[in-house]
Amino acid sequence: MSAPADPAAAATTFPTPSISLPVGLEILRTYSGALVCLEILLGALVWILVASSNVPVPLLQGWVMFVSICMFVCSTAYLIVFLLGLADRINTDWNFLDLAYHFIALLFYFGAFVLEAATTAGSGSSTRFPNGTVCAAASSGNIVTFMDGRQYSINVAATIFAFLVTLCYGCSMFMGFKRWRLYR
């Protein structure tokens, strides 16, 4: 029979973290790092555009604002962890964490994109007469929003950028899935 293992020695040893992405500035030279930078940039544009439209439909666009702000903060924190090299020091399966984070972000941003598109599509066409009277044609859906031309244009741009961010998160999730399957 062998001697029992020293419990103090077992408590001080940790397995190495499971990570296949580089840390430091090298993360920016990968497709994943570039996509995270795009997610941050385009997510900030969605946040700014929705906020600048004066949020004509707070019930729908409140979720868009929540998602864009939360994912902006989480993606920035995620990138900072890799830039500072903390991923080497934190013992976790980074490949799975990358996959799980981008899957949740994809679901949230897809919902935000659909709600922003519904808000924009719910804007009926309106005609402003010289005396100040507005004649608005109702849209065919259940959502009716009243936006002026500026708000409508801003919401169209926010919808497009929300779609692009959703694509970025989808690509990141796909690459994370490939890494997770490869290094599992």
N, C-alpha and C. Protein backbone atom coordinates (compact mmCIF):
# COMPACT_ATOMS: atom_id res chain seq x y z
N MET A 1 0.84 -1.17 0.00
CA MET A 1 0.00 0.00 0.00
C MET A 1 0.88 1.24 0.00
N SER A 2 0.52 2.22 -0.82
CA SER A 2 1.34 3.44 -0.91
C SER A 2 0.97 4.41 0.20
N ALA A 3 1.89 5.31 0.44
CA ALA A 3 1.69 6.32 1.49
C ALA A 3 0.63 7.32 1.02
N PRO A 4 -0.20 7.84 1.93
CA PRO A 4 -1.23 8.81 1.54
C PRO A 4 -0.57 10.10 1.04
N ALA A 5 -1.23 10.72 0.10
CA ALA A 5 -0.71 11.96 -0.47
C ALA A 5 -0.80 13.08 0.56
N ASP A 6 0.15 13.96 0.51
CA ASP A 6 0.19 15.10 1.41
C ASP A 6 -0.93 16.07 1.03
N PRO A 7 -1.93 16.32 1.92
CA PRO A 7 -3.05 17.19 1.55
C PRO A 7 -2.60 18.62 1.28
N ALA A 8 -1.54 19.10 1.90
CA ALA A 8 -1.08 20.47 1.66
C ALA A 8 -0.54 20.61 0.23
N ALA A 9 0.14 19.59 -0.26
CA ALA A 9 0.69 19.65 -1.61
C ALA A 9 -0.42 19.61 -2.66
N ALA A 10 -1.47 18.86 -2.39
CA ALA A 10 -2.58 18.77 -3.35
C ALA A 10 -3.34 20.08 -3.42
N ALA A 11 -3.39 20.81 -2.33
CA ALA A 11 -4.15 22.07 -2.31
C ALA A 11 -3.40 23.19 -3.03
N THR A 12 -2.12 23.07 -3.21
CA THR A 12 -1.36 24.16 -3.81
C THR A 12 -1.09 23.95 -5.30
N THR A 13 -1.44 22.82 -5.85
CA THR A 13 -1.21 22.59 -7.28
C THR A 13 -2.52 22.74 -8.02
N PHE A 14 -2.45 23.41 -9.15
CA PHE A 14 -3.62 23.62 -9.97
C PHE A 14 -3.32 23.16 -11.39
N PRO A 15 -4.32 22.62 -12.07
CA PRO A 15 -4.09 22.28 -13.48
C PRO A 15 -3.94 23.57 -14.30
N THR A 16 -3.28 23.48 -15.41
CA THR A 16 -3.10 24.65 -16.25
C THR A 16 -4.42 25.02 -16.90
N PRO A 17 -4.66 26.30 -17.12
CA PRO A 17 -5.91 26.70 -17.77
C PRO A 17 -5.98 26.18 -19.20
N SER A 18 -7.18 25.83 -19.63
CA SER A 18 -7.39 25.35 -20.99
C SER A 18 -7.71 26.55 -21.87
N ILE A 19 -6.73 26.95 -22.67
CA ILE A 19 -6.90 28.13 -23.52
C ILE A 19 -6.17 27.91 -24.83
N SER A 20 -6.80 28.26 -25.92
CA SER A 20 -6.14 28.12 -27.22
C SER A 20 -5.96 29.47 -27.90
N LEU A 21 -6.43 30.53 -27.28
CA LEU A 21 -6.22 31.88 -27.83
C LEU A 21 -4.97 32.49 -27.21
N PRO A 22 -4.25 33.30 -27.96
CA PRO A 22 -3.07 33.95 -27.37
C PRO A 22 -3.48 35.05 -26.40
N VAL A 23 -2.58 35.40 -25.52
CA VAL A 23 -2.84 36.49 -24.58
C VAL A 23 -1.93 37.66 -24.93
N GLY A 24 -2.22 38.79 -24.33
CA GLY A 24 -1.45 39.99 -24.64
C GLY A 24 -1.93 40.61 -25.94
N LEU A 25 -1.08 41.39 -26.54
CA LEU A 25 -1.45 42.06 -27.80
C LEU A 25 -1.62 41.09 -28.96
N GLU A 26 -1.13 39.86 -28.80
CA GLU A 26 -1.26 38.86 -29.86
C GLU A 26 -2.73 38.50 -30.11
N ILE A 27 -3.61 38.72 -29.13
CA ILE A 27 -5.03 38.42 -29.32
C ILE A 27 -5.62 39.28 -30.43
N LEU A 28 -5.09 40.48 -30.61
CA LEU A 28 -5.61 41.38 -31.63
C LEU A 28 -5.23 40.95 -33.04
N ARG A 29 -4.27 40.04 -33.16
CA ARG A 29 -3.86 39.55 -34.47
C ARG A 29 -4.62 38.31 -34.91
N THR A 30 -5.58 37.87 -34.12
CA THR A 30 -6.40 36.71 -34.46
C THR A 30 -7.76 37.18 -34.96
N TYR A 31 -8.45 36.28 -35.66
CA TYR A 31 -9.81 36.60 -36.10
C TYR A 31 -10.74 36.82 -34.90
N SER A 32 -10.55 36.02 -33.86
CA SER A 32 -11.40 36.17 -32.68
C SER A 32 -11.20 37.52 -32.01
N GLY A 33 -9.95 37.95 -31.91
CA GLY A 33 -9.68 39.26 -31.32
C GLY A 33 -10.25 40.39 -32.16
N ALA A 34 -10.12 40.26 -33.48
CA ALA A 34 -10.68 41.29 -34.36
C ALA A 34 -12.20 41.33 -34.26
N LEU A 35 -12.82 40.16 -34.15
CA LEU A 35 -14.29 40.12 -34.02
C LEU A 35 -14.74 40.73 -32.70
N VAL A 36 -14.01 40.48 -31.62
CA VAL A 36 -14.38 41.09 -30.34
C VAL A 36 -14.27 42.60 -30.43
N CYS A 37 -13.22 43.10 -31.10
CA CYS A 37 -13.10 44.55 -31.29
C CYS A 37 -14.27 45.09 -32.12
N LEU A 38 -14.68 44.37 -33.15
CA LEU A 38 -15.85 44.77 -33.95
C LEU A 38 -17.13 44.73 -33.12
N GLU A 39 -17.26 43.70 -32.27
CA GLU A 39 -18.44 43.61 -31.40
C GLU A 39 -18.53 44.82 -30.49
N ILE A 40 -17.40 45.23 -29.94
CA ILE A 40 -17.37 46.40 -29.05
C ILE A 40 -17.72 47.67 -29.83
N LEU A 41 -17.09 47.86 -30.97
CA LEU A 41 -17.31 49.06 -31.77
C LEU A 41 -18.74 49.16 -32.29
N LEU A 42 -19.23 48.10 -32.91
CA LEU A 42 -20.58 48.13 -33.47
C LEU A 42 -21.64 48.14 -32.37
N GLY A 43 -21.37 47.45 -31.25
CA GLY A 43 -22.30 47.49 -30.13
C GLY A 43 -22.42 48.89 -29.54
N ALA A 44 -21.30 49.61 -29.49
CA ALA A 44 -21.34 51.00 -29.02
C ALA A 44 -22.15 51.87 -29.98
N LEU A 45 -22.04 51.60 -31.28
CA LEU A 45 -22.84 52.35 -32.25
C LEU A 45 -24.34 52.08 -32.07
N VAL A 46 -24.70 50.84 -31.81
CA VAL A 46 -26.12 50.52 -31.56
C VAL A 46 -26.60 51.28 -30.33
N TRP A 47 -25.81 51.25 -29.28
CA TRP A 47 -26.14 51.93 -28.04
C TRP A 47 -26.34 53.43 -28.30
N ILE A 48 -25.40 54.06 -29.00
CA ILE A 48 -25.46 55.49 -29.25
C ILE A 48 -26.64 55.84 -30.16
N LEU A 49 -26.86 55.04 -31.19
CA LEU A 49 -27.95 55.34 -32.12
C LEU A 49 -29.32 55.20 -31.46
N VAL A 50 -29.52 54.15 -30.68
CA VAL A 50 -30.82 53.99 -30.02
C VAL A 50 -31.03 55.10 -28.99
N ALA A 51 -29.99 55.45 -28.27
CA ALA A 51 -30.11 56.52 -27.28
C ALA A 51 -30.39 57.87 -27.96
N SER A 52 -29.80 58.10 -29.13
CA SER A 52 -30.00 59.38 -29.81
C SER A 52 -31.35 59.49 -30.51
N SER A 53 -32.06 58.37 -30.64
CA SER A 53 -33.39 58.41 -31.26
C SER A 53 -34.46 58.81 -30.25
N ASN A 54 -34.06 59.13 -29.04
CA ASN A 54 -34.98 59.51 -27.95
C ASN A 54 -35.92 58.38 -27.55
N VAL A 55 -35.60 57.16 -27.92
CA VAL A 55 -36.30 55.93 -27.56
C VAL A 55 -37.81 56.10 -27.67
N PRO A 56 -38.33 56.14 -28.91
CA PRO A 56 -39.77 56.35 -29.08
C PRO A 56 -40.64 55.21 -28.56
N VAL A 57 -40.11 54.00 -28.48
CA VAL A 57 -40.87 52.87 -27.94
C VAL A 57 -40.06 52.25 -26.81
N PRO A 58 -40.20 52.77 -25.59
CA PRO A 58 -39.33 52.32 -24.50
C PRO A 58 -39.47 50.84 -24.15
N LEU A 59 -40.64 50.28 -24.34
CA LEU A 59 -40.83 48.87 -24.00
C LEU A 59 -39.97 47.97 -24.87
N LEU A 60 -39.88 48.24 -26.15
CA LEU A 60 -39.08 47.43 -27.05
C LEU A 60 -37.62 47.87 -27.05
N GLN A 61 -37.39 49.15 -27.13
CA GLN A 61 -36.02 49.64 -27.24
C GLN A 61 -35.28 49.63 -25.91
N GLY A 62 -35.99 49.48 -24.82
CA GLY A 62 -35.33 49.32 -23.53
C GLY A 62 -34.49 48.05 -23.50
N TRP A 63 -35.02 46.99 -24.08
CA TRP A 63 -34.26 45.74 -24.16
C TRP A 63 -33.05 45.91 -25.07
N VAL A 64 -33.20 46.63 -26.16
CA VAL A 64 -32.08 46.88 -27.07
C VAL A 64 -30.99 47.64 -26.34
N MET A 65 -31.37 48.66 -25.58
CA MET A 65 -30.39 49.43 -24.80
C MET A 65 -29.71 48.55 -23.75
N PHE A 66 -30.49 47.74 -23.04
CA PHE A 66 -29.93 46.85 -22.02
C PHE A 66 -28.90 45.90 -22.63
N VAL A 67 -29.27 45.26 -23.74
CA VAL A 67 -28.37 44.30 -24.38
C VAL A 67 -27.12 45.00 -24.90
N SER A 68 -27.28 46.12 -25.57
CA SER A 68 -26.11 46.79 -26.15
C SER A 68 -25.15 47.27 -25.07
N ILE A 69 -25.66 47.79 -23.97
CA ILE A 69 -24.79 48.25 -22.89
C ILE A 69 -24.13 47.07 -22.19
N CYS A 70 -24.91 46.04 -21.84
CA CYS A 70 -24.33 44.88 -21.13
C CYS A 70 -23.30 44.15 -21.98
N MET A 71 -23.59 43.94 -23.26
CA MET A 71 -22.63 43.23 -24.11
C MET A 71 -21.41 44.09 -24.41
N PHE A 72 -21.57 45.41 -24.44
CA PHE A 72 -20.43 46.31 -24.60
C PHE A 72 -19.49 46.16 -23.40
N VAL A 73 -20.06 46.19 -22.20
CA VAL A 73 -19.25 46.07 -20.98
C VAL A 73 -18.62 44.67 -20.89
N CYS A 74 -19.40 43.63 -21.16
CA CYS A 74 -18.87 42.26 -21.06
C CYS A 74 -17.80 41.98 -22.11
N SER A 75 -18.00 42.43 -23.33
CA SER A 75 -17.00 42.21 -24.38
C SER A 75 -15.72 43.00 -24.09
N THR A 76 -15.87 44.20 -23.55
CA THR A 76 -14.69 44.99 -23.17
C THR A 76 -13.93 44.30 -22.05
N ALA A 77 -14.64 43.80 -21.05
CA ALA A 77 -13.99 43.09 -19.96
C ALA A 77 -13.32 41.81 -20.46
N TYR A 78 -13.97 41.11 -21.36
CA TYR A 78 -13.42 39.88 -21.94
C TYR A 78 -12.11 40.18 -22.69
N LEU A 79 -12.11 41.24 -23.47
CA LEU A 79 -10.92 41.62 -24.21
C LEU A 79 -9.80 42.06 -23.27
N ILE A 80 -10.14 42.78 -22.22
CA ILE A 80 -9.14 43.24 -21.26
C ILE A 80 -8.49 42.06 -20.55
N VAL A 81 -9.27 41.03 -20.21
CA VAL A 81 -8.71 39.84 -19.57
C VAL A 81 -7.63 39.22 -20.45
N PHE A 82 -7.87 39.17 -21.74
CA PHE A 82 -6.87 38.60 -22.65
C PHE A 82 -5.71 39.56 -22.90
N LEU A 83 -6.00 40.84 -23.01
CA LEU A 83 -4.93 41.81 -23.26
C LEU A 83 -3.95 41.88 -22.09
N LEU A 84 -4.46 41.80 -20.87
CA LEU A 84 -3.60 41.88 -19.69
C LEU A 84 -2.95 40.55 -19.34
N GLY A 85 -3.29 39.48 -20.04
CA GLY A 85 -2.71 38.18 -19.78
C GLY A 85 -3.30 37.47 -18.58
N LEU A 86 -4.45 37.93 -18.11
CA LEU A 86 -5.08 37.31 -16.94
C LEU A 86 -5.64 35.93 -17.26
N ALA A 87 -5.86 35.65 -18.51
CA ALA A 87 -6.42 34.35 -18.89
C ALA A 87 -5.46 33.22 -18.55
N ASP A 88 -4.16 33.49 -18.55
CA ASP A 88 -3.18 32.47 -18.16
C ASP A 88 -3.20 32.22 -16.66
N ARG A 89 -3.62 33.20 -15.90
CA ARG A 89 -3.59 33.09 -14.43
C ARG A 89 -4.89 32.56 -13.84
N ILE A 90 -5.98 32.69 -14.56
CA ILE A 90 -7.28 32.24 -14.07
C ILE A 90 -7.52 30.83 -14.58
N ASN A 91 -7.70 29.91 -13.65
CA ASN A 91 -7.83 28.50 -13.99
C ASN A 91 -9.29 28.19 -14.37
N THR A 92 -9.54 28.13 -15.64
CA THR A 92 -10.86 27.77 -16.15
C THR A 92 -10.71 27.26 -17.57
N ASP A 93 -11.73 26.66 -18.08
CA ASP A 93 -11.74 26.22 -19.47
C ASP A 93 -12.17 27.41 -20.34
N TRP A 94 -11.21 28.17 -20.81
CA TRP A 94 -11.48 29.39 -21.57
C TRP A 94 -12.15 29.10 -22.89
N ASN A 95 -11.88 27.95 -23.47
CA ASN A 95 -12.52 27.61 -24.74
C ASN A 95 -14.02 27.44 -24.57
N PHE A 96 -14.43 26.76 -23.49
CA PHE A 96 -15.86 26.61 -23.23
C PHE A 96 -16.48 27.94 -22.81
N LEU A 97 -15.77 28.71 -22.00
CA LEU A 97 -16.28 30.00 -21.56
C LEU A 97 -16.49 30.93 -22.76
N ASP A 98 -15.57 30.89 -23.71
CA ASP A 98 -15.70 31.68 -24.94
C ASP A 98 -16.94 31.26 -25.72
N LEU A 99 -17.14 29.97 -25.86
CA LEU A 99 -18.30 29.45 -26.57
C LEU A 99 -19.60 29.85 -25.85
N ALA A 100 -19.66 29.65 -24.55
CA ALA A 100 -20.88 29.95 -23.78
C ALA A 100 -21.20 31.45 -23.82
N TYR A 101 -20.18 32.29 -23.64
CA TYR A 101 -20.41 33.74 -23.66
C TYR A 101 -20.95 34.19 -25.01
N HIS A 102 -20.32 33.74 -26.08
CA HIS A 102 -20.76 34.19 -27.40
C HIS A 102 -22.13 33.60 -27.79
N PHE A 103 -22.47 32.43 -27.26
CA PHE A 103 -23.80 31.88 -27.51
C PHE A 103 -24.87 32.73 -26.83
N ILE A 104 -24.64 33.09 -25.56
CA ILE A 104 -25.60 33.93 -24.83
C ILE A 104 -25.70 35.30 -25.48
N ALA A 105 -24.55 35.87 -25.85
CA ALA A 105 -24.56 37.18 -26.49
C ALA A 105 -25.29 37.13 -27.83
N LEU A 106 -25.12 36.04 -28.56
CA LEU A 106 -25.83 35.89 -29.84
C LEU A 106 -27.34 35.84 -29.62
N LEU A 107 -27.78 35.09 -28.65
CA LEU A 107 -29.22 35.02 -28.37
C LEU A 107 -29.77 36.39 -27.97
N PHE A 108 -29.07 37.08 -27.08
CA PHE A 108 -29.54 38.39 -26.63
C PHE A 108 -29.56 39.39 -27.79
N TYR A 109 -28.49 39.42 -28.57
CA TYR A 109 -28.43 40.40 -29.65
C TYR A 109 -29.39 40.07 -30.78
N PHE A 110 -29.66 38.79 -31.01
CA PHE A 110 -30.66 38.45 -32.01
C PHE A 110 -32.03 38.98 -31.59
N GLY A 111 -32.36 38.80 -30.31
CA GLY A 111 -33.62 39.35 -29.80
C GLY A 111 -33.66 40.87 -29.90
N ALA A 112 -32.53 41.51 -29.59
CA ALA A 112 -32.47 42.97 -29.68
C ALA A 112 -32.62 43.42 -31.13
N PHE A 113 -31.99 42.71 -32.04
CA PHE A 113 -32.12 43.05 -33.47
C PHE A 113 -33.56 42.93 -33.93
N VAL A 114 -34.25 41.85 -33.55
CA VAL A 114 -35.64 41.66 -33.97
C VAL A 114 -36.53 42.76 -33.39
N LEU A 115 -36.31 43.12 -32.12
CA LEU A 115 -37.13 44.17 -31.51
C LEU A 115 -36.86 45.54 -32.15
N GLU A 116 -35.60 45.82 -32.45
CA GLU A 116 -35.27 47.09 -33.10
C GLU A 116 -35.85 47.13 -34.51
N ALA A 117 -35.80 46.02 -35.22
CA ALA A 117 -36.39 45.96 -36.56
C ALA A 117 -37.91 46.12 -36.48
N ALA A 118 -38.55 45.53 -35.47
CA ALA A 118 -40.00 45.67 -35.31
C ALA A 118 -40.37 47.11 -34.99
N THR A 119 -39.56 47.77 -34.17
CA THR A 119 -39.82 49.17 -33.86
C THR A 119 -39.71 50.03 -35.11
N THR A 120 -38.69 49.77 -35.90
CA THR A 120 -38.48 50.56 -37.12
C THR A 120 -39.58 50.27 -38.14
N ALA A 121 -39.93 49.01 -38.30
CA ALA A 121 -40.96 48.65 -39.28
C ALA A 121 -42.34 49.12 -38.85
N GLY A 122 -42.55 49.32 -37.56
CA GLY A 122 -43.85 49.77 -37.06
C GLY A 122 -44.12 51.22 -37.30
N SER A 123 -43.15 51.92 -37.82
CA SER A 123 -43.35 53.34 -38.10
C SER A 123 -44.10 53.49 -39.41
N GLY A 124 -45.31 54.00 -39.34
CA GLY A 124 -46.09 54.21 -40.55
C GLY A 124 -45.61 55.45 -41.28
N SER A 125 -45.95 55.54 -42.52
CA SER A 125 -45.57 56.74 -43.26
C SER A 125 -46.46 57.89 -42.83
N SER A 126 -45.88 59.06 -42.76
CA SER A 126 -46.65 60.22 -42.35
C SER A 126 -46.35 61.38 -43.29
N THR A 127 -47.34 62.25 -43.41
CA THR A 127 -47.20 63.43 -44.26
C THR A 127 -47.46 64.65 -43.40
N ARG A 128 -46.54 65.59 -43.44
CA ARG A 128 -46.71 66.83 -42.67
C ARG A 128 -47.15 67.93 -43.65
N PHE A 129 -48.27 68.55 -43.32
CA PHE A 129 -48.81 69.62 -44.15
C PHE A 129 -48.26 70.96 -43.68
N PRO A 130 -48.31 71.97 -44.55
CA PRO A 130 -47.74 73.28 -44.19
C PRO A 130 -48.37 73.91 -42.94
N ASN A 131 -49.61 73.59 -42.64
CA ASN A 131 -50.23 74.18 -41.46
C ASN A 131 -49.86 73.44 -40.17
N GLY A 132 -48.99 72.41 -40.25
CA GLY A 132 -48.55 71.70 -39.06
C GLY A 132 -49.30 70.41 -38.80
N THR A 133 -50.36 70.15 -39.55
CA THR A 133 -51.14 68.94 -39.37
C THR A 133 -50.36 67.74 -39.90
N VAL A 134 -50.41 66.63 -39.16
CA VAL A 134 -49.72 65.42 -39.57
C VAL A 134 -50.77 64.35 -39.87
N CYS A 135 -50.68 63.76 -41.03
CA CYS A 135 -51.55 62.65 -41.41
C CYS A 135 -50.69 61.40 -41.42
N ALA A 136 -50.97 60.48 -40.52
CA ALA A 136 -50.16 59.26 -40.40
C ALA A 136 -50.95 58.06 -40.88
N ALA A 137 -50.31 57.26 -41.71
CA ALA A 137 -50.91 56.00 -42.16
C ALA A 137 -50.44 54.89 -41.21
N ALA A 138 -51.38 54.14 -40.69
CA ALA A 138 -51.04 53.07 -39.75
C ALA A 138 -50.33 51.93 -40.48
N SER A 139 -49.40 51.31 -39.77
CA SER A 139 -48.71 50.16 -40.36
C SER A 139 -49.62 48.94 -40.29
N SER A 140 -49.25 47.90 -41.01
CA SER A 140 -50.10 46.71 -41.07
C SER A 140 -49.94 45.81 -39.86
N GLY A 141 -48.93 46.02 -39.01
CA GLY A 141 -48.68 45.16 -37.86
C GLY A 141 -49.38 45.65 -36.61
N ASN A 142 -49.06 45.02 -35.49
CA ASN A 142 -49.64 45.39 -34.21
C ASN A 142 -48.91 46.53 -33.53
N ILE A 143 -47.71 46.84 -33.98
CA ILE A 143 -46.90 47.89 -33.37
C ILE A 143 -47.01 49.14 -34.23
N VAL A 144 -47.45 50.22 -33.62
CA VAL A 144 -47.53 51.49 -34.32
C VAL A 144 -46.66 52.47 -33.56
N THR A 145 -45.68 53.02 -34.23
CA THR A 145 -44.82 54.03 -33.61
C THR A 145 -44.88 55.30 -34.45
N PHE A 146 -44.77 56.41 -33.76
CA PHE A 146 -44.77 57.70 -34.45
C PHE A 146 -43.38 58.30 -34.30
N MET A 147 -42.69 58.32 -35.43
CA MET A 147 -41.33 58.87 -35.46
C MET A 147 -41.26 59.90 -36.56
N ASP A 148 -40.45 60.91 -36.33
CA ASP A 148 -40.18 61.84 -37.43
C ASP A 148 -39.10 61.21 -38.31
N GLY A 149 -38.76 61.89 -39.39
CA GLY A 149 -37.79 61.35 -40.34
C GLY A 149 -36.43 61.10 -39.73
N ARG A 150 -36.01 61.98 -38.82
CA ARG A 150 -34.71 61.81 -38.16
C ARG A 150 -34.69 60.57 -37.28
N GLN A 151 -35.73 60.39 -36.48
CA GLN A 151 -35.81 59.21 -35.61
C GLN A 151 -35.88 57.93 -36.44
N TYR A 152 -36.63 57.97 -37.53
CA TYR A 152 -36.75 56.79 -38.38
C TYR A 152 -35.39 56.42 -38.98
N SER A 153 -34.66 57.41 -39.48
CA SER A 153 -33.34 57.16 -40.07
C SER A 153 -32.37 56.61 -39.04
N ILE A 154 -32.41 57.15 -37.85
CA ILE A 154 -31.52 56.67 -36.78
C ILE A 154 -31.87 55.23 -36.42
N ASN A 155 -33.16 54.91 -36.38
CA ASN A 155 -33.56 53.54 -36.04
C ASN A 155 -33.24 52.56 -37.16
N VAL A 156 -33.27 53.00 -38.40
CA VAL A 156 -32.85 52.13 -39.50
C VAL A 156 -31.36 51.81 -39.35
N ALA A 157 -30.55 52.84 -39.06
CA ALA A 157 -29.11 52.61 -38.87
C ALA A 157 -28.86 51.70 -37.67
N ALA A 158 -29.61 51.89 -36.58
CA ALA A 158 -29.46 51.04 -35.39
C ALA A 158 -29.82 49.59 -35.71
N THR A 159 -30.85 49.40 -36.53
CA THR A 159 -31.24 48.04 -36.93
C THR A 159 -30.14 47.38 -37.75
N ILE A 160 -29.56 48.12 -38.67
CA ILE A 160 -28.48 47.57 -39.50
C ILE A 160 -27.27 47.20 -38.64
N PHE A 161 -26.88 48.09 -37.74
CA PHE A 161 -25.73 47.81 -36.89
C PHE A 161 -26.02 46.68 -35.90
N ALA A 162 -27.27 46.58 -35.42
CA ALA A 162 -27.62 45.46 -34.55
C ALA A 162 -27.51 44.14 -35.30
N PHE A 163 -27.89 44.14 -36.57
CA PHE A 163 -27.74 42.94 -37.39
C PHE A 163 -26.26 42.58 -37.57
N LEU A 164 -25.43 43.59 -37.83
CA LEU A 164 -23.99 43.34 -38.00
C LEU A 164 -23.35 42.81 -36.71
N VAL A 165 -23.76 43.34 -35.57
CA VAL A 165 -23.23 42.84 -34.30
C VAL A 165 -23.69 41.40 -34.08
N THR A 166 -24.92 41.11 -34.43
CA THR A 166 -25.42 39.74 -34.31
C THR A 166 -24.60 38.79 -35.17
N LEU A 167 -24.25 39.22 -36.38
CA LEU A 167 -23.39 38.41 -37.24
C LEU A 167 -22.00 38.21 -36.62
N CYS A 168 -21.45 39.25 -36.04
CA CYS A 168 -20.13 39.15 -35.40
C CYS A 168 -20.17 38.14 -34.25
N TYR A 169 -21.21 38.23 -33.42
CA TYR A 169 -21.33 37.28 -32.30
C TYR A 169 -21.55 35.86 -32.82
N GLY A 170 -22.28 35.71 -33.93
CA GLY A 170 -22.47 34.39 -34.52
C GLY A 170 -21.16 33.81 -35.03
N CYS A 171 -20.36 34.63 -35.69
CA CYS A 171 -19.06 34.15 -36.18
C CYS A 171 -18.14 33.81 -35.01
N SER A 172 -18.15 34.63 -33.97
CA SER A 172 -17.33 34.35 -32.79
C SER A 172 -17.77 33.05 -32.12
N MET A 173 -19.09 32.83 -32.06
CA MET A 173 -19.57 31.59 -31.45
C MET A 173 -19.15 30.38 -32.29
N PHE A 174 -19.23 30.50 -33.60
CA PHE A 174 -18.83 29.39 -34.47
C PHE A 174 -17.35 29.08 -34.30
N MET A 175 -16.51 30.11 -34.26
CA MET A 175 -15.08 29.87 -34.07
C MET A 175 -14.80 29.33 -32.67
N GLY A 176 -15.54 29.80 -31.67
CA GLY A 176 -15.39 29.27 -30.32
C GLY A 176 -15.80 27.81 -30.25
N PHE A 177 -16.85 27.45 -30.98
CA PHE A 177 -17.28 26.05 -31.02
C PHE A 177 -16.20 25.17 -31.64
N LYS A 178 -15.60 25.65 -32.73
CA LYS A 178 -14.53 24.88 -33.37
C LYS A 178 -13.34 24.70 -32.42
N ARG A 179 -12.96 25.75 -31.69
CA ARG A 179 -11.86 25.64 -30.73
C ARG A 179 -12.22 24.69 -29.60
N TRP A 180 -13.44 24.79 -29.11
CA TRP A 180 -13.86 23.94 -28.00
C TRP A 180 -13.85 22.48 -28.41
N ARG A 181 -14.33 22.17 -29.62
CA ARG A 181 -14.32 20.79 -30.10
C ARG A 181 -12.90 20.28 -30.33
N LEU A 182 -12.02 21.14 -30.79
CA LEU A 182 -10.66 20.75 -31.12
C LEU A 182 -9.81 20.51 -29.87
N TYR A 183 -9.97 21.35 -28.85
CA TYR A 183 -9.11 21.28 -27.66
C TYR A 183 -9.82 20.71 -26.44
N ARG A 184 -10.87 20.01 -26.63
CA ARG A 184 -11.65 19.46 -25.51
C ARG A 184 -10.97 18.29 -24.91
